[in-house]
């Protein structure tokens, strides 16, 4: 799965979590906190992506996710582990 495909999935997840109120473009360097997402929101985002992709994220990996880029890297790592 390409980074662009992961970013599209994250946009879906962010839109769902924000009830459609998030209309900004996502970029690797953006911090989740700057987008109004706390640790509980990040867990919801992770659960959405896990369900869509059939992967599981380690709690330790989730604890290091602070930015969109971190989230993309975590998804790519989980997909590599699953294959």
PDB file of N, CA and C in Angstrom:
ATOM      1  N   UNK A   1       0.859  -1.177   0.000  1.00  0.00           N
ATOM      2  CA  UNK A   1       0.000   0.000   0.000  1.00  0.00           C
ATOM      3  C   UNK A   1       0.898   1.231   0.000  1.00  0.00           C
ATOM      4  N   UNK A   2       0.619   2.144  -0.911  1.00  0.00           N
ATOM      5  CA  UNK A   2       1.447   3.340  -1.037  1.00  0.00           C
ATOM      6  C   UNK A   2       1.136   4.346   0.074  1.00  0.00           C
ATOM      7  N   UNK A   3       2.058   5.289   0.235  1.00  0.00           N
ATOM      8  CA  UNK A   3       1.844   6.334   1.226  1.00  0.00           C
ATOM      9  C   UNK A   3       0.597   7.157   0.881  1.00  0.00           C
ATOM     10  N   UNK A   4       0.364   7.394  -0.405  1.00  0.00           N
ATOM     11  CA  UNK A   4      -0.813   8.148  -0.823  1.00  0.00           C
ATOM     12  C   UNK A   4      -2.102   7.408  -0.452  1.00  0.00           C
ATOM     13  N   UNK A   5      -2.110   6.089  -0.600  1.00  0.00           N
ATOM     14  CA  UNK A   5      -3.285   5.301  -0.233  1.00  0.00           C
ATOM     15  C   UNK A   5      -3.511   5.328   1.271  1.00  0.00           C
ATOM     16  N   UNK A   6      -2.427   5.277   2.030  1.00  0.00           N
ATOM     17  CA  UNK A   6      -2.545   5.351   3.490  1.00  0.00           C
ATOM     18  C   UNK A   6      -3.068   6.726   3.891  1.00  0.00           C
ATOM     19  N   UNK A   7      -2.569   7.780   3.262  1.00  0.00           N
ATOM     20  CA  UNK A   7      -3.040   9.131   3.569  1.00  0.00           C
ATOM     21  C   UNK A   7      -4.526   9.264   3.247  1.00  0.00           C
ATOM     22  N   UNK A   8      -4.980   8.663   2.152  1.00  0.00           N
ATOM     23  CA  UNK A   8      -6.409   8.705   1.807  1.00  0.00           C
ATOM     24  C   UNK A   8      -7.229   7.997   2.878  1.00  0.00           C
ATOM     25  N   UNK A   9      -6.740   6.866   3.361  1.00  0.00           N
ATOM     26  CA  UNK A   9      -7.429   6.138   4.422  1.00  0.00           C
ATOM     27  C   UNK A   9      -7.462   6.966   5.707  1.00  0.00           C
ATOM     28  N   UNK A  10      -6.354   7.629   6.021  1.00  0.00           N
ATOM     29  CA  UNK A  10      -6.324   8.485   7.204  1.00  0.00           C
ATOM     30  C   UNK A  10      -7.298   9.650   7.067  1.00  0.00           C
ATOM     31  N   UNK A  11      -7.426  10.212   5.859  1.00  0.00           N
ATOM     32  CA  UNK A  11      -8.408  11.287   5.661  1.00  0.00           C
ATOM     33  C   UNK A  11      -9.814  10.776   5.946  1.00  0.00           C
ATOM     34  N   UNK A  12     -10.112   9.543   5.489  1.00  0.00           N
ATOM     35  CA  UNK A  12     -11.420   8.937   5.791  1.00  0.00           C
ATOM     36  C   UNK A  12     -11.608   8.803   7.298  1.00  0.00           C
ATOM     37  N   UNK A  13     -10.575   8.288   7.961  1.00  0.00           N
ATOM     38  CA  UNK A  13     -10.652   8.063   9.408  1.00  0.00           C
ATOM     39  C   UNK A  13     -10.816   9.388  10.152  1.00  0.00           C
ATOM     40  N   UNK A  14     -10.046  10.416   9.750  1.00  0.00           N
ATOM     41  CA  UNK A  14     -10.154  11.723  10.399  1.00  0.00           C
ATOM     42  C   UNK A  14     -11.534  12.318  10.185  1.00  0.00           C
ATOM     43  N   UNK A  15     -12.059  12.195   8.964  1.00  0.00           N
ATOM     44  CA  UNK A  15     -13.392  12.733   8.682  1.00  0.00           C
ATOM     45  C   UNK A  15     -14.440  12.037   9.532  1.00  0.00           C
ATOM     46  N   UNK A  16     -14.314  10.720   9.686  1.00  0.00           N
ATOM     47  CA  UNK A  16     -15.261   9.960  10.509  1.00  0.00           C
ATOM     48  C   UNK A  16     -15.152  10.389  11.969  1.00  0.00           C
ATOM     49  N   UNK A  17     -13.928  10.480  12.472  1.00  0.00           N
ATOM     50  CA  UNK A  17     -13.711  10.827  13.875  1.00  0.00           C
ATOM     51  C   UNK A  17     -14.173  12.249  14.181  1.00  0.00           C
ATOM     52  N   UNK A  18     -13.993  13.154  13.224  1.00  0.00           N
ATOM     53  CA  UNK A  18     -14.383  14.542  13.450  1.00  0.00           C
ATOM     54  C   UNK A  18     -15.806  14.817  12.964  1.00  0.00           C
ATOM     55  N   UNK A  19     -16.527  13.737  12.634  1.00  0.00           N
ATOM     56  CA  UNK A  19     -17.908  13.829  12.154  1.00  0.00           C
ATOM     57  C   UNK A  19     -18.006  14.744  10.933  1.00  0.00           C
ATOM     58  N   UNK A  20     -17.006  14.616  10.045  1.00  0.00           N
ATOM     59  CA  UNK A  20     -17.005  15.358   8.800  1.00  0.00           C
ATOM     60  C   UNK A  20     -16.527  16.787   8.902  1.00  0.00           C
ATOM     61  N   UNK A  21     -16.095  17.212  10.084  1.00  0.00           N
ATOM     62  CA  UNK A  21     -15.689  18.601  10.270  1.00  0.00           C
ATOM     63  C   UNK A  21     -14.247  18.881   9.881  1.00  0.00           C
ATOM     64  N   UNK A  22     -13.464  17.868   9.634  1.00  0.00           N
ATOM     65  CA  UNK A  22     -12.069  18.071   9.270  1.00  0.00           C
ATOM     66  C   UNK A  22     -11.973  18.169   7.755  1.00  0.00           C
ATOM     67  N   UNK A  23     -11.710  19.352   7.282  1.00  0.00           N
ATOM     68  CA  UNK A  23     -11.669  19.558   5.833  1.00  0.00           C
ATOM     69  C   UNK A  23     -10.285  19.984   5.355  1.00  0.00           C
ATOM     70  N   UNK A  24      -9.292  20.005   6.240  1.00  0.00           N
ATOM     71  CA  UNK A  24      -7.953  20.418   5.837  1.00  0.00           C
ATOM     72  C   UNK A  24      -7.195  19.239   5.232  1.00  0.00           C
ATOM     73  N   UNK A  25      -6.192  19.555   4.458  1.00  0.00           N
ATOM     74  CA  UNK A  25      -5.328  18.520   3.889  1.00  0.00           C
ATOM     75  C   UNK A  25      -4.406  18.001   4.986  1.00  0.00           C
ATOM     76  N   UNK A  26      -4.140  16.720   4.946  1.00  0.00           N
ATOM     77  CA  UNK A  26      -3.217  16.125   5.912  1.00  0.00           C
ATOM     78  C   UNK A  26      -1.821  16.075   5.313  1.00  0.00           C
ATOM     79  N   UNK A  27      -0.826  16.383   6.136  1.00  0.00           N
ATOM     80  CA  UNK A  27       0.568  16.335   5.719  1.00  0.00           C
ATOM     81  C   UNK A  27       1.370  15.590   6.773  1.00  0.00           C
ATOM     82  N   UNK A  28       2.445  14.947   6.334  1.00  0.00           N
ATOM     83  CA  UNK A  28       3.260  14.113   7.227  1.00  0.00           C
ATOM     84  C   UNK A  28       3.688  14.836   8.502  1.00  0.00           C
ATOM     85  N   UNK A  29       4.048  16.086   8.401  1.00  0.00           N
ATOM     86  CA  UNK A  29       4.592  16.803   9.553  1.00  0.00           C
ATOM     87  C   UNK A  29       3.569  17.309  10.554  1.00  0.00           C
ATOM     88  N   UNK A  30       2.301  17.211  10.231  1.00  0.00           N
ATOM     89  CA  UNK A  30       1.275  17.730  11.137  1.00  0.00           C
ATOM     90  C   UNK A  30       1.175  16.882  12.400  1.00  0.00           C
ATOM     91  N   UNK A  31       1.098  17.557  13.515  1.00  0.00           N
ATOM     92  CA  UNK A  31       0.928  16.892  14.810  1.00  0.00           C
ATOM     93  C   UNK A  31      -0.547  16.595  15.036  1.00  0.00           C
ATOM     94  N   UNK A  32      -0.829  15.415  15.567  1.00  0.00           N
ATOM     95  CA  UNK A  32      -2.219  15.050  15.855  1.00  0.00           C
ATOM     96  C   UNK A  32      -2.851  16.050  16.815  1.00  0.00           C
ATOM     97  N   UNK A  33      -2.090  16.473  17.816  1.00  0.00           N
ATOM     98  CA  UNK A  33      -2.623  17.426  18.799  1.00  0.00           C
ATOM     99  C   UNK A  33      -3.010  18.744  18.139  1.00  0.00           C
ATOM    100  N   UNK A  34      -2.233  19.177  17.132  1.00  0.00           N
ATOM    101  CA  UNK A  34      -2.542  20.425  16.438  1.00  0.00           C
ATOM    102  C   UNK A  34      -3.841  20.308  15.640  1.00  0.00           C
ATOM    103  N   UNK A  35      -4.227  19.078  15.306  1.00  0.00           N
ATOM    104  CA  UNK A  35      -5.477  18.842  14.583  1.00  0.00           C
ATOM    105  C   UNK A  35      -6.648  18.619  15.532  1.00  0.00           C
ATOM    106  N   UNK A  36      -6.380  18.732  16.851  1.00  0.00           N
ATOM    107  CA  UNK A  36      -7.435  18.583  17.839  1.00  0.00           C
ATOM    108  C   UNK A  36      -7.677  17.151  18.290  1.00  0.00           C
ATOM    109  N   UNK A  37      -6.721  16.268  18.013  1.00  0.00           N
ATOM    110  CA  UNK A  37      -6.876  14.862  18.377  1.00  0.00           C
ATOM    111  C   UNK A  37      -6.027  14.532  19.589  1.00  0.00           C
ATOM    112  N   UNK A  38      -6.674  13.958  20.605  1.00  0.00           N
ATOM    113  CA  UNK A  38      -5.968  13.530  21.809  1.00  0.00           C
ATOM    114  C   UNK A  38      -5.696  12.038  21.717  1.00  0.00           C
ATOM    115  N   UNK A  39      -5.205  11.442  22.798  1.00  0.00           N
ATOM    116  CA  UNK A  39      -4.843  10.019  22.775  1.00  0.00           C
ATOM    117  C   UNK A  39      -6.054   9.121  22.531  1.00  0.00           C
ATOM    118  N   UNK A  40      -7.212   9.486  23.051  1.00  0.00           N
ATOM    119  CA  UNK A  40      -8.419   8.677  22.812  1.00  0.00           C
ATOM    120  C   UNK A  40      -8.844   8.748  21.346  1.00  0.00           C
ATOM    121  N   UNK A  41      -8.737   9.921  20.761  1.00  0.00           N
ATOM    122  CA  UNK A  41      -9.054  10.072  19.340  1.00  0.00           C
ATOM    123  C   UNK A  41      -8.086   9.270  18.490  1.00  0.00           C
ATOM    124  N   UNK A  42      -6.815   9.269  18.883  1.00  0.00           N
ATOM    125  CA  UNK A  42      -5.809   8.505  18.144  1.00  0.00           C
ATOM    126  C   UNK A  42      -6.129   7.012  18.199  1.00  0.00           C
ATOM    127  N   UNK A  43      -6.624   6.544  19.340  1.00  0.00           N
ATOM    128  CA  UNK A  43      -7.023   5.137  19.451  1.00  0.00           C
ATOM    129  C   UNK A  43      -8.190   4.831  18.517  1.00  0.00           C
ATOM    130  N   UNK A  44      -9.130   5.755  18.417  1.00  0.00           N
ATOM    131  CA  UNK A  44     -10.258   5.566  17.505  1.00  0.00           C
ATOM    132  C   UNK A  44      -9.789   5.531  16.056  1.00  0.00           C
ATOM    133  N   UNK A  45      -8.850   6.411  15.716  1.00  0.00           N
ATOM    134  CA  UNK A  45      -8.290   6.409  14.363  1.00  0.00           C
ATOM    135  C   UNK A  45      -7.597   5.082  14.078  1.00  0.00           C
ATOM    136  N   UNK A  46      -6.817   4.624  15.037  1.00  0.00           N
ATOM    137  CA  UNK A  46      -6.101   3.360  14.879  1.00  0.00           C
ATOM    138  C   UNK A  46      -7.075   2.198  14.705  1.00  0.00           C
ATOM    139  N   UNK A  47      -8.140   2.186  15.482  1.00  0.00           N
ATOM    140  CA  UNK A  47      -9.133   1.112  15.381  1.00  0.00           C
ATOM    141  C   UNK A  47      -9.788   1.116  14.007  1.00  0.00           C
ATOM    142  N   UNK A  48     -10.085   2.295  13.483  1.00  0.00           N
ATOM    143  CA  UNK A  48     -10.682   2.404  12.150  1.00  0.00           C
ATOM    144  C   UNK A  48      -9.746   1.813  11.097  1.00  0.00           C
ATOM    145  N   UNK A  49      -8.478   2.191  11.161  1.00  0.00           N
ATOM    146  CA  UNK A  49      -7.497   1.693  10.191  1.00  0.00           C
ATOM    147  C   UNK A  49      -7.289   0.187  10.366  1.00  0.00           C
ATOM    148  N   UNK A  50      -7.219  -0.275  11.612  1.00  0.00           N
ATOM    149  CA  UNK A  50      -7.083  -1.721  11.854  1.00  0.00           C
ATOM    150  C   UNK A  50      -8.237  -2.489  11.214  1.00  0.00           C
ATOM    151  N   UNK A  51      -9.441  -2.014  11.413  1.00  0.00           N
ATOM    152  CA  UNK A  51     -10.618  -2.683  10.840  1.00  0.00           C
ATOM    153  C   UNK A  51     -10.583  -2.684   9.323  1.00  0.00           C
ATOM    154  N   UNK A  52     -10.207  -1.570   8.738  1.00  0.00           N
ATOM    155  CA  UNK A  52     -10.192  -1.460   7.277  1.00  0.00           C
ATOM    156  C   UNK A  52      -9.097  -2.312   6.636  1.00  0.00           C
ATOM    157  N   UNK A  53      -7.950  -2.421   7.312  1.00  0.00           N
ATOM    158  CA  UNK A  53      -6.807  -3.118   6.712  1.00  0.00           C
ATOM    159  C   UNK A  53      -6.575  -4.517   7.262  1.00  0.00           C
ATOM    160  N   UNK A  54      -7.263  -4.867   8.340  1.00  0.00           N
ATOM    161  CA  UNK A  54      -7.075  -6.191   8.926  1.00  0.00           C
ATOM    162  C   UNK A  54      -5.732  -6.364   9.596  1.00  0.00           C
ATOM    163  N   UNK A  55      -5.202  -5.287  10.162  1.00  0.00           N
ATOM    164  CA  UNK A  55      -3.930  -5.346  10.878  1.00  0.00           C
ATOM    165  C   UNK A  55      -4.172  -4.965  12.333  1.00  0.00           C
ATOM    166  N   UNK A  56      -3.165  -5.176  13.152  1.00  0.00           N
ATOM    167  CA  UNK A  56      -3.227  -4.794  14.560  1.00  0.00           C
ATOM    168  C   UNK A  56      -1.996  -3.975  14.893  1.00  0.00           C
ATOM    169  N   UNK A  57      -2.193  -2.878  15.593  1.00  0.00           N
ATOM    170  CA  UNK A  57      -1.079  -2.038  16.012  1.00  0.00           C
ATOM    171  C   UNK A  57      -0.725  -2.358  17.457  1.00  0.00           C
ATOM    172  N   UNK A  58       0.553  -2.485  17.720  1.00  0.00           N
ATOM    173  CA  UNK A  58       1.034  -2.722  19.087  1.00  0.00           C
ATOM    174  C   UNK A  58       0.812  -1.454  19.913  1.00  0.00           C
ATOM    175  N   UNK A  59       0.471  -1.647  21.176  1.00  0.00           N
ATOM    176  CA  UNK A  59       0.279  -0.493  22.060  1.00  0.00           C
ATOM    177  C   UNK A  59       1.536   0.372  22.106  1.00  0.00           C
ATOM    178  N   UNK A  60       2.701  -0.269  22.092  1.00  0.00           N
ATOM    179  CA  UNK A  60       3.960   0.479  22.129  1.00  0.00           C
ATOM    180  C   UNK A  60       4.103   1.358  20.897  1.00  0.00           C
ATOM    181  N   UNK A  61       3.679   0.863  19.743  1.00  0.00           N
ATOM    182  CA  UNK A  61       3.753   1.655  18.513  1.00  0.00           C
ATOM    183  C   UNK A  61       2.814   2.850  18.597  1.00  0.00           C
ATOM    184  N   UNK A  62       1.629   2.628  19.114  1.00  0.00           N
ATOM    185  CA  UNK A  62       0.650   3.718  19.234  1.00  0.00           C
ATOM    186  C   UNK A  62       1.145   4.822  20.161  1.00  0.00           C
ATOM    187  N   UNK A  63       1.890   4.451  21.181  1.00  0.00           N
ATOM    188  CA  UNK A  63       2.359   5.449  22.143  1.00  0.00           C
ATOM    189  C   UNK A  63       3.377   6.404  21.529  1.00  0.00           C
ATOM    190  N   UNK A  64       3.958   6.032  20.384  1.00  0.00           N
ATOM    191  CA  UNK A  64       4.961   6.881  19.736  1.00  0.00           C
ATOM    192  C   UNK A  64       4.402   7.690  18.573  1.00  0.00           C
ATOM    193  N   UNK A  65       3.099   7.593  18.341  1.00  0.00           N
ATOM    194  CA  UNK A  65       2.485   8.311  17.228  1.00  0.00           C
ATOM    195  C   UNK A  65       2.104   9.715  17.687  1.00  0.00           C
ATOM    196  N   UNK A  66       2.819  10.705  17.132  1.00  0.00           N
ATOM    197  CA  UNK A  66       2.536  12.097  17.470  1.00  0.00           C
ATOM    198  C   UNK A  66       2.142  12.906  16.240  1.00  0.00           C
ATOM    199  N   UNK A  67       2.479  12.394  15.052  1.00  0.00           N
ATOM    200  CA  UNK A  67       2.221  13.147  13.828  1.00  0.00           C
ATOM    201  C   UNK A  67       1.575  12.253  12.771  1.00  0.00           C
ATOM    202  N   UNK A  68       1.122  12.875  11.704  1.00  0.00           N
ATOM    203  CA  UNK A  68       0.570  12.125  10.584  1.00  0.00           C
ATOM    204  C   UNK A  68       1.634  11.192  10.015  1.00  0.00           C
ATOM    205  N   UNK A  69       2.851  11.676   9.902  1.00  0.00           N
ATOM    206  CA  UNK A  69       3.944  10.848   9.397  1.00  0.00           C
ATOM    207  C   UNK A  69       4.201   9.635  10.272  1.00  0.00           C
ATOM    208  N   UNK A  70       4.130   9.826  11.589  1.00  0.00           N
ATOM    209  CA  UNK A  70       4.286   8.693  12.513  1.00  0.00           C
ATOM    210  C   UNK A  70       3.195   7.658  12.272  1.00  0.00           C
ATOM    211  N   UNK A  71       1.978   8.142  12.041  1.00  0.00           N
ATOM    212  CA  UNK A  71       0.844   7.246  11.817  1.00  0.00           C
ATOM    213  C   UNK A  71       1.052   6.460  10.522  1.00  0.00           C
ATOM    214  N   UNK A  72       1.474   7.152   9.462  1.00  0.00           N
ATOM    215  CA  UNK A  72       1.736   6.492   8.179  1.00  0.00           C
ATOM    216  C   UNK A  72       2.811   5.427   8.348  1.00  0.00           C
ATOM    217  N   UNK A  73       3.888   5.774   9.048  1.00  0.00           N
ATOM    218  CA  UNK A  73       4.986   4.819   9.273  1.00  0.00           C
ATOM    219  C   UNK A  73       4.503   3.600  10.051  1.00  0.00           C
ATOM    220  N   UNK A  74       3.646   3.817  11.057  1.00  0.00           N
ATOM    221  CA  UNK A  74       3.117   2.715  11.835  1.00  0.00           C
ATOM    222  C   UNK A  74       2.273   1.791  10.974  1.00  0.00           C
ATOM    223  N   UNK A  75       1.450   2.366  10.096  1.00  0.00           N
ATOM    224  CA  UNK A  75       0.609   1.551   9.195  1.00  0.00           C
ATOM    225  C   UNK A  75       1.507   0.747   8.249  1.00  0.00           C
ATOM    226  N   UNK A  76       2.502   1.392   7.666  1.00  0.00           N
ATOM    227  CA  UNK A  76       3.400   0.684   6.751  1.00  0.00           C
ATOM    228  C   UNK A  76       4.114  -0.454   7.469  1.00  0.00           C
ATOM    229  N   UNK A  77       4.546  -0.236   8.685  1.00  0.00           N
ATOM    230  CA  UNK A  77       5.224  -1.277   9.458  1.00  0.00           C
ATOM    231  C   UNK A  77       4.277  -2.450   9.737  1.00  0.00           C
ATOM    232  N   UNK A  78       3.061  -2.137  10.135  1.00  0.00           N
ATOM    233  CA  UNK A  78       2.080  -3.190  10.425  1.00  0.00           C
ATOM    234  C   UNK A  78       1.756  -3.998   9.171  1.00  0.00           C
ATOM    235  N   UNK A  79       1.670  -3.325   8.035  1.00  0.00           N
ATOM    236  CA  UNK A  79       1.395  -4.037   6.784  1.00  0.00           C
ATOM    237  C   UNK A  79       2.553  -4.950   6.401  1.00  0.00           C
ATOM    238  N   UNK A  80       3.785  -4.510   6.635  1.00  0.00           N
ATOM    239  CA  UNK A  80       4.953  -5.353   6.357  1.00  0.00           C
ATOM    240  C   UNK A  80       4.952  -6.587   7.250  1.00  0.00           C
ATOM    241  N   UNK A  81       4.631  -6.390   8.519  1.00  0.00           N
ATOM    242  CA  UNK A  81       4.599  -7.496   9.474  1.00  0.00           C
ATOM    243  C   UNK A  81       3.499  -8.495   9.113  1.00  0.00           C
ATOM    244  N   UNK A  82       2.404  -8.006   8.576  1.00  0.00           N
ATOM    245  CA  UNK A  82       1.264  -8.868   8.247  1.00  0.00           C
ATOM    246  C   UNK A  82       1.480  -9.675   6.986  1.00  0.00           C
ATOM    247  N   UNK A  83       2.419  -9.234   6.153  1.00  0.00           N
ATOM    248  CA  UNK A  83       2.606  -9.939   4.871  1.00  0.00           C
ATOM    249  C   UNK A  83       3.644 -11.045   4.959  1.00  0.00           C
TER     250      UNK A  83
END
